[in-house]
Amino acid sequence: MKTHELRSMSREELTEHARELRQELFNLRFRSTTQQLDNPLRIRTARKDLARTLTVLRELDLGLESSTGEGIQNG
């Protein structure tokens, strides 16, 4: 999911999205140890999606909202 899509979500939606990604990551790791995955790169993308979601949540906590989606710039 793109960062600008995450920034348009509410705090509750972001929290729920992070919970779902954690569950998916757990399931992927579990399946990777017990059997071969169809797409092993999905673990990497799930981890990065979770990191993006947690970053946006942290930005909301700190009040560092960025409307451009380009990141935070010093002015």
PDB file of N, CA and C in Angstrom:
ATOM      1  N   MET A   1       0.847  -1.170   0.000  1.00  0.00           N
ATOM      2  CA  MET A   1       0.000   0.000   0.000  1.00  0.00           C
ATOM      3  C   MET A   1       0.897   1.239   0.000  1.00  0.00           C
ATOM      4  N   LYS A   2       0.526   2.221  -0.771  1.00  0.00           N
ATOM      5  CA  LYS A   2       1.312   3.442  -0.886  1.00  0.00           C
ATOM      6  C   LYS A   2       1.156   4.313   0.355  1.00  0.00           C
ATOM      7  N   THR A   3       2.169   5.132   0.600  1.00  0.00           N
ATOM      8  CA  THR A   3       2.177   5.986   1.786  1.00  0.00           C
ATOM      9  C   THR A   3       1.038   6.997   1.749  1.00  0.00           C
ATOM     10  N   HIS A   4       0.768   7.570   0.577  1.00  0.00           N
ATOM     11  CA  HIS A   4      -0.313   8.569   0.511  1.00  0.00           C
ATOM     12  C   HIS A   4      -1.666   7.929   0.798  1.00  0.00           C
ATOM     13  N   GLU A   5      -1.827   6.642   0.476  1.00  0.00           N
ATOM     14  CA  GLU A   5      -3.070   5.945   0.811  1.00  0.00           C
ATOM     15  C   GLU A   5      -3.183   5.750   2.326  1.00  0.00           C
ATOM     16  N   LEU A   6      -2.040   5.466   2.958  1.00  0.00           N
ATOM     17  CA  LEU A   6      -2.044   5.285   4.405  1.00  0.00           C
ATOM     18  C   LEU A   6      -2.348   6.591   5.124  1.00  0.00           C
ATOM     19  N   ARG A   7      -1.814   7.693   4.617  1.00  0.00           N
ATOM     20  CA  ARG A   7      -2.025   8.987   5.264  1.00  0.00           C
ATOM     21  C   ARG A   7      -3.473   9.456   5.162  1.00  0.00           C
ATOM     22  N   SER A   8      -4.220   8.911   4.215  1.00  0.00           N
ATOM     23  CA  SER A   8      -5.623   9.299   4.078  1.00  0.00           C
ATOM     24  C   SER A   8      -6.529   8.492   5.012  1.00  0.00           C
ATOM     25  N   MET A   9      -5.973   7.496   5.696  1.00  0.00           N
ATOM     26  CA  MET A   9      -6.754   6.656   6.602  1.00  0.00           C
ATOM     27  C   MET A   9      -6.811   7.281   7.994  1.00  0.00           C
ATOM     28  N   SER A  10      -7.846   6.915   8.747  1.00  0.00           N
ATOM     29  CA  SER A  10      -7.959   7.390  10.122  1.00  0.00           C
ATOM     30  C   SER A  10      -7.043   6.567  11.028  1.00  0.00           C
ATOM     31  N   ARG A  11      -6.866   7.045  12.243  1.00  0.00           N
ATOM     32  CA  ARG A  11      -6.011   6.348  13.211  1.00  0.00           C
ATOM     33  C   ARG A  11      -6.527   4.933  13.489  1.00  0.00           C
ATOM     34  N   GLU A  12      -7.852   4.784  13.603  1.00  0.00           N
ATOM     35  CA  GLU A  12      -8.433   3.473  13.872  1.00  0.00           C
ATOM     36  C   GLU A  12      -8.197   2.524  12.696  1.00  0.00           C
ATOM     37  N   GLU A  13      -8.354   3.039  11.479  1.00  0.00           N
ATOM     38  CA  GLU A  13      -8.107   2.214  10.296  1.00  0.00           C
ATOM     39  C   GLU A  13      -6.645   1.793  10.221  1.00  0.00           C
ATOM     40  N   LEU A  14      -5.736   2.712  10.546  1.00  0.00           N
ATOM     41  CA  LEU A  14      -4.312   2.388  10.536  1.00  0.00           C
ATOM     42  C   LEU A  14      -3.973   1.331  11.578  1.00  0.00           C
ATOM     43  N   THR A  15      -4.564   1.446  12.750  1.00  0.00           N
ATOM     44  CA  THR A  15      -4.316   0.472  13.804  1.00  0.00           C
ATOM     45  C   THR A  15      -4.820  -0.908  13.392  1.00  0.00           C
ATOM     46  N   GLU A  16      -5.990  -0.945  12.799  1.00  0.00           N
ATOM     47  CA  GLU A  16      -6.554  -2.211  12.329  1.00  0.00           C
ATOM     48  C   GLU A  16      -5.706  -2.791  11.192  1.00  0.00           C
ATOM     49  N   HIS A  17      -5.245  -1.930  10.289  1.00  0.00           N
ATOM     50  CA  HIS A  17      -4.396  -2.370   9.171  1.00  0.00           C
ATOM     51  C   HIS A  17      -3.090  -2.960   9.705  1.00  0.00           C
ATOM     52  N   ALA A  18      -2.491  -2.332  10.705  1.00  0.00           N
ATOM     53  CA  ALA A  18      -1.257  -2.836  11.307  1.00  0.00           C
ATOM     54  C   ALA A  18      -1.510  -4.191  11.964  1.00  0.00           C
ATOM     55  N   ARG A  19      -2.646  -4.345  12.638  1.00  0.00           N
ATOM     56  CA  ARG A  19      -2.972  -5.623  13.264  1.00  0.00           C
ATOM     57  C   ARG A  19      -3.104  -6.723  12.220  1.00  0.00           C
ATOM     58  N   GLU A  20      -3.774  -6.412  11.110  1.00  0.00           N
ATOM     59  CA  GLU A  20      -3.943  -7.389  10.035  1.00  0.00           C
ATOM     60  C   GLU A  20      -2.600  -7.766   9.412  1.00  0.00           C
ATOM     61  N   LEU A  21      -1.729  -6.785   9.235  1.00  0.00           N
ATOM     62  CA  LEU A  21      -0.409  -7.070   8.658  1.00  0.00           C
ATOM     63  C   LEU A  21       0.435  -7.920   9.599  1.00  0.00           C
ATOM     64  N   ARG A  22       0.353  -7.654  10.892  1.00  0.00           N
ATOM     65  CA  ARG A  22       1.086  -8.485  11.852  1.00  0.00           C
ATOM     66  C   ARG A  22       0.602  -9.928  11.793  1.00  0.00           C
ATOM     67  N   GLN A  23      -0.718 -10.112  11.705  1.00  0.00           N
ATOM     68  CA  GLN A  23      -1.286 -11.455  11.611  1.00  0.00           C
ATOM     69  C   GLN A  23      -0.851 -12.138  10.317  1.00  0.00           C
ATOM     70  N   GLU A  24      -0.884 -11.403   9.211  1.00  0.00           N
ATOM     71  CA  GLU A  24      -0.462 -11.966   7.933  1.00  0.00           C
ATOM     72  C   GLU A  24       1.016 -12.351   7.967  1.00  0.00           C
ATOM     73  N   LEU A  25       1.842 -11.495   8.555  1.00  0.00           N
ATOM     74  CA  LEU A  25       3.264 -11.780   8.657  1.00  0.00           C
ATOM     75  C   LEU A  25       3.513 -13.023   9.512  1.00  0.00           C
ATOM     76  N   PHE A  26       2.785 -13.147  10.599  1.00  0.00           N
ATOM     77  CA  PHE A  26       2.897 -14.347  11.437  1.00  0.00           C
ATOM     78  C   PHE A  26       2.536 -15.593  10.627  1.00  0.00           C
ATOM     79  N   ASN A  27       1.423 -15.530   9.898  1.00  0.00           N
ATOM     80  CA  ASN A  27       0.987 -16.679   9.101  1.00  0.00           C
ATOM     81  C   ASN A  27       2.004 -17.025   8.015  1.00  0.00           C
ATOM     82  N   LEU A  28       2.562 -16.012   7.370  1.00  0.00           N
ATOM     83  CA  LEU A  28       3.553 -16.258   6.326  1.00  0.00           C
ATOM     84  C   LEU A  28       4.809 -16.906   6.898  1.00  0.00           C
ATOM     85  N   ARG A  29       5.260 -16.405   8.037  1.00  0.00           N
ATOM     86  CA  ARG A  29       6.451 -16.997   8.666  1.00  0.00           C
ATOM     87  C   ARG A  29       6.184 -18.436   9.105  1.00  0.00           C
ATOM     88  N   PHE A  30       5.007 -18.656   9.635  1.00  0.00           N
ATOM     89  CA  PHE A  30       4.642 -20.001  10.076  1.00  0.00           C
ATOM     90  C   PHE A  30       4.608 -20.961   8.890  1.00  0.00           C
ATOM     91  N   ARG A  31       3.968 -20.538   7.797  1.00  0.00           N
ATOM     92  CA  ARG A  31       3.887 -21.392   6.609  1.00  0.00           C
ATOM     93  C   ARG A  31       5.250 -21.597   5.965  1.00  0.00           C
ATOM     94  N   SER A  32       6.126 -20.591   6.065  1.00  0.00           N
ATOM     95  CA  SER A  32       7.446 -20.745   5.441  1.00  0.00           C
ATOM     96  C   SER A  32       8.283 -21.808   6.150  1.00  0.00           C
ATOM     97  N   THR A  33       8.034 -22.008   7.439  1.00  0.00           N
ATOM     98  CA  THR A  33       8.781 -23.040   8.162  1.00  0.00           C
ATOM     99  C   THR A  33       8.171 -24.424   7.974  1.00  0.00           C
ATOM    100  N   THR A  34       6.870 -24.495   7.728  1.00  0.00           N
ATOM    101  CA  THR A  34       6.227 -25.793   7.613  1.00  0.00           C
ATOM    102  C   THR A  34       6.100 -26.265   6.165  1.00  0.00           C
ATOM    103  N   GLN A  35       6.040 -25.347   5.241  1.00  0.00           N
ATOM    104  CA  GLN A  35       5.897 -25.719   3.831  1.00  0.00           C
ATOM    105  C   GLN A  35       6.455 -24.607   2.960  1.00  0.00           C
ATOM    106  N   GLN A  36       6.539 -24.864   1.697  1.00  0.00           N
ATOM    107  CA  GLN A  36       7.072 -23.873   0.777  1.00  0.00           C
ATOM    108  C   GLN A  36       5.979 -22.862   0.416  1.00  0.00           C
ATOM    109  N   LEU A  37       6.368 -21.580   0.392  1.00  0.00           N
ATOM    110  CA  LEU A  37       5.411 -20.533   0.052  1.00  0.00           C
ATOM    111  C   LEU A  37       5.297 -20.391  -1.459  1.00  0.00           C
ATOM    112  N   ASP A  38       4.114 -19.959  -1.908  1.00  0.00           N
ATOM    113  CA  ASP A  38       3.929 -19.684  -3.338  1.00  0.00           C
ATOM    114  C   ASP A  38       4.748 -18.472  -3.750  1.00  0.00           C
ATOM    115  N   ASN A  39       4.753 -17.452  -2.893  1.00  0.00           N
ATOM    116  CA  ASN A  39       5.475 -16.223  -3.190  1.00  0.00           C
ATOM    117  C   ASN A  39       6.293 -15.825  -1.959  1.00  0.00           C
ATOM    118  N   PRO A  40       7.555 -16.248  -1.885  1.00  0.00           N
ATOM    119  CA  PRO A  40       8.360 -15.943  -0.705  1.00  0.00           C
ATOM    120  C   PRO A  40       8.656 -14.456  -0.529  1.00  0.00           C
ATOM    121  N   LEU A  41       8.539 -13.670  -1.588  1.00  0.00           N
ATOM    122  CA  LEU A  41       8.772 -12.231  -1.471  1.00  0.00           C
ATOM    123  C   LEU A  41       7.640 -11.532  -0.742  1.00  0.00           C
ATOM    124  N   ARG A  42       6.522 -12.209  -0.539  1.00  0.00           N
ATOM    125  CA  ARG A  42       5.392 -11.605   0.176  1.00  0.00           C
ATOM    126  C   ARG A  42       5.761 -11.288   1.622  1.00  0.00           C
ATOM    127  N   ILE A  43       6.695 -12.057   2.210  1.00  0.00           N
ATOM    128  CA  ILE A  43       7.140 -11.761   3.574  1.00  0.00           C
ATOM    129  C   ILE A  43       7.797 -10.387   3.603  1.00  0.00           C
ATOM    130  N   ARG A  44       8.650 -10.116   2.630  1.00  0.00           N
ATOM    131  CA  ARG A  44       9.341  -8.825   2.565  1.00  0.00           C
ATOM    132  C   ARG A  44       8.361  -7.681   2.380  1.00  0.00           C
ATOM    133  N   THR A  45       7.406  -7.849   1.467  1.00  0.00           N
ATOM    134  CA  THR A  45       6.456  -6.761   1.222  1.00  0.00           C
ATOM    135  C   THR A  45       5.542  -6.534   2.427  1.00  0.00           C
ATOM    136  N   ALA A  46       5.170  -7.615   3.111  1.00  0.00           N
ATOM    137  CA  ALA A  46       4.329  -7.470   4.307  1.00  0.00           C
ATOM    138  C   ALA A  46       5.094  -6.728   5.397  1.00  0.00           C
ATOM    139  N   ARG A  47       6.380  -7.041   5.560  1.00  0.00           N
ATOM    140  CA  ARG A  47       7.203  -6.367   6.561  1.00  0.00           C
ATOM    141  C   ARG A  47       7.330  -4.878   6.250  1.00  0.00           C
ATOM    142  N   LYS A  48       7.532  -4.551   4.978  1.00  0.00           N
ATOM    143  CA  LYS A  48       7.677  -3.147   4.592  1.00  0.00           C
ATOM    144  C   LYS A  48       6.348  -2.395   4.721  1.00  0.00           C
ATOM    145  N   ASP A  49       5.248  -3.061   4.381  1.00  0.00           N
ATOM    146  CA  ASP A  49       3.935  -2.434   4.550  1.00  0.00           C
ATOM    147  C   ASP A  49       3.652  -2.146   6.019  1.00  0.00           C
ATOM    148  N   LEU A  50       4.017  -3.086   6.879  1.00  0.00           N
ATOM    149  CA  LEU A  50       3.833  -2.885   8.317  1.00  0.00           C
ATOM    150  C   LEU A  50       4.689  -1.710   8.797  1.00  0.00           C
ATOM    151  N   ALA A  51       5.918  -1.626   8.331  1.00  0.00           N
ATOM    152  CA  ALA A  51       6.795  -0.525   8.730  1.00  0.00           C
ATOM    153  C   ALA A  51       6.233   0.817   8.265  1.00  0.00           C
ATOM    154  N   ARG A  52       5.707   0.868   7.049  1.00  0.00           N
ATOM    155  CA  ARG A  52       5.097   2.111   6.556  1.00  0.00           C
ATOM    156  C   ARG A  52       3.901   2.512   7.415  1.00  0.00           C
ATOM    157  N   THR A  53       3.067   1.537   7.742  1.00  0.00           N
ATOM    158  CA  THR A  53       1.883   1.809   8.557  1.00  0.00           C
ATOM    159  C   THR A  53       2.271   2.316   9.933  1.00  0.00           C
ATOM    160  N   LEU A  54       3.249   1.674  10.553  1.00  0.00           N
ATOM    161  CA  LEU A  54       3.691   2.103  11.876  1.00  0.00           C
ATOM    162  C   LEU A  54       4.354   3.475  11.827  1.00  0.00           C
ATOM    163  N   THR A  55       5.037   3.787  10.731  1.00  0.00           N
ATOM    164  CA  THR A  55       5.654   5.105  10.572  1.00  0.00           C
ATOM    165  C   THR A  55       4.594   6.189  10.496  1.00  0.00           C
ATOM    166  N   VAL A  56       3.540   5.951   9.736  1.00  0.00           N
ATOM    167  CA  VAL A  56       2.467   6.940   9.617  1.00  0.00           C
ATOM    168  C   VAL A  56       1.765   7.113  10.961  1.00  0.00           C
ATOM    169  N   LEU A  57       1.557   6.015  11.691  1.00  0.00           N
ATOM    170  CA  LEU A  57       0.962   6.121  13.025  1.00  0.00           C
ATOM    171  C   LEU A  57       1.848   6.939  13.955  1.00  0.00           C
ATOM    172  N   ARG A  58       3.138   6.729  13.884  1.00  0.00           N
ATOM    173  CA  ARG A  58       4.077   7.482  14.726  1.00  0.00           C
ATOM    174  C   ARG A  58       4.077   8.961  14.346  1.00  0.00           C
ATOM    175  N   GLU A  59       3.993   9.256  13.053  1.00  0.00           N
ATOM    176  CA  GLU A  59       3.910  10.649  12.616  1.00  0.00           C
ATOM    177  C   GLU A  59       2.667  11.322  13.178  1.00  0.00           C
ATOM    178  N   LEU A  60       1.557  10.580  13.208  1.00  0.00           N
ATOM    179  CA  LEU A  60       0.330  11.138  13.786  1.00  0.00           C
ATOM    180  C   LEU A  60       0.511  11.416  15.272  1.00  0.00           C
ATOM    181  N   ASP A  61       1.190  10.506  15.972  1.00  0.00           N
ATOM    182  CA  ASP A  61       1.445  10.694  17.399  1.00  0.00           C
ATOM    183  C   ASP A  61       2.288  11.936  17.659  1.00  0.00           C
ATOM    184  N   LEU A  62       3.258  12.180  16.785  1.00  0.00           N
ATOM    185  CA  LEU A  62       4.159  13.313  16.963  1.00  0.00           C
ATOM    186  C   LEU A  62       3.626  14.604  16.350  1.00  0.00           C
ATOM    187  N   GLY A  63       2.533  14.505  15.603  1.00  0.00           N
ATOM    188  CA  GLY A  63       1.967  15.680  14.959  1.00  0.00           C
ATOM    189  C   GLY A  63       2.766  16.124  13.752  1.00  0.00           C
ATOM    190  N   LEU A  64       3.390  15.189  13.068  1.00  0.00           N
ATOM    191  CA  LEU A  64       4.225  15.505  11.914  1.00  0.00           C
ATOM    192  C   LEU A  64       3.548  15.110  10.610  1.00  0.00           C
ATOM    193  N   GLU A  65       2.295  15.431  10.471  1.00  0.00           N
ATOM    194  CA  GLU A  65       1.565  15.041   9.276  1.00  0.00           C
ATOM    195  C   GLU A  65       2.125  15.758   8.063  1.00  0.00           C
ATOM    196  N   SER A  66       2.278  15.009   6.973  1.00  0.00           N
ATOM    197  CA  SER A  66       2.777  15.565   5.724  1.00  0.00           C
ATOM    198  C   SER A  66       1.741  15.314   4.659  1.00  0.00           C
ATOM    199  N   SER A  67       1.266  16.363   4.033  1.00  0.00           N
ATOM    200  CA  SER A  67       0.195  16.208   3.034  1.00  0.00           C
ATOM    201  C   SER A  67       0.747  15.829   1.665  1.00  0.00           C
ATOM    202  N   THR A  68       2.047  16.023   1.434  1.00  0.00           N
ATOM    203  CA  THR A  68       2.598  15.758   0.107  1.00  0.00           C
ATOM    204  C   THR A  68       2.899  14.304  -0.119  1.00  0.00           C
ATOM    205  N   GLY A  69       3.177  13.542   0.926  1.00  0.00           N
ATOM    206  CA  GLY A  69       3.559  12.169   0.767  1.00  0.00           C
ATOM    207  C   GLY A  69       5.010  12.021   0.375  1.00  0.00           C
ATOM    208  N   GLU A  70       5.739  13.117   0.351  1.00  0.00           N
ATOM    209  CA  GLU A  70       7.138  13.107  -0.041  1.00  0.00           C
ATOM    210  C   GLU A  70       8.059  12.954   1.147  1.00  0.00           C
ATOM    211  N   GLY A  71       7.523  12.867   2.325  1.00  0.00           N
ATOM    212  CA  GLY A  71       8.343  12.791   3.514  1.00  0.00           C
ATOM    213  C   GLY A  71       8.359  14.116   4.207  1.00  0.00           C
ATOM    214  N   ILE A  72       9.032  14.171   5.312  1.00  0.00           N
ATOM    215  CA  ILE A  72       9.086  15.383   6.122  1.00  0.00           C
ATOM    216  C   ILE A  72      10.304  16.188   5.726  1.00  0.00           C
ATOM    217  N   GLN A  73      10.081  17.459   5.429  1.00  0.00           N
ATOM    218  CA  GLN A  73      11.181  18.311   5.002  1.00  0.00           C
ATOM    219  C   GLN A  73      11.374  19.419   6.014  1.00  0.00           C
ATOM    220  N   ASN A  74      12.622  19.755   6.248  1.00  0.00           N
ATOM    221  CA  ASN A  74      12.935  20.851   7.140  1.00  0.00           C
ATOM    222  C   ASN A  74      12.777  22.166   6.388  1.00  0.00           C
ATOM    223  N   GLY A  75      12.105  23.119   6.966  1.00  0.00           N
ATOM    224  CA  GLY A  75      11.819  24.361   6.272  1.00  0.00           C
ATOM    225  C   GLY A  75      12.512  25.452   6.855  1.00  0.00           C
TER     226      GLY A  75
END
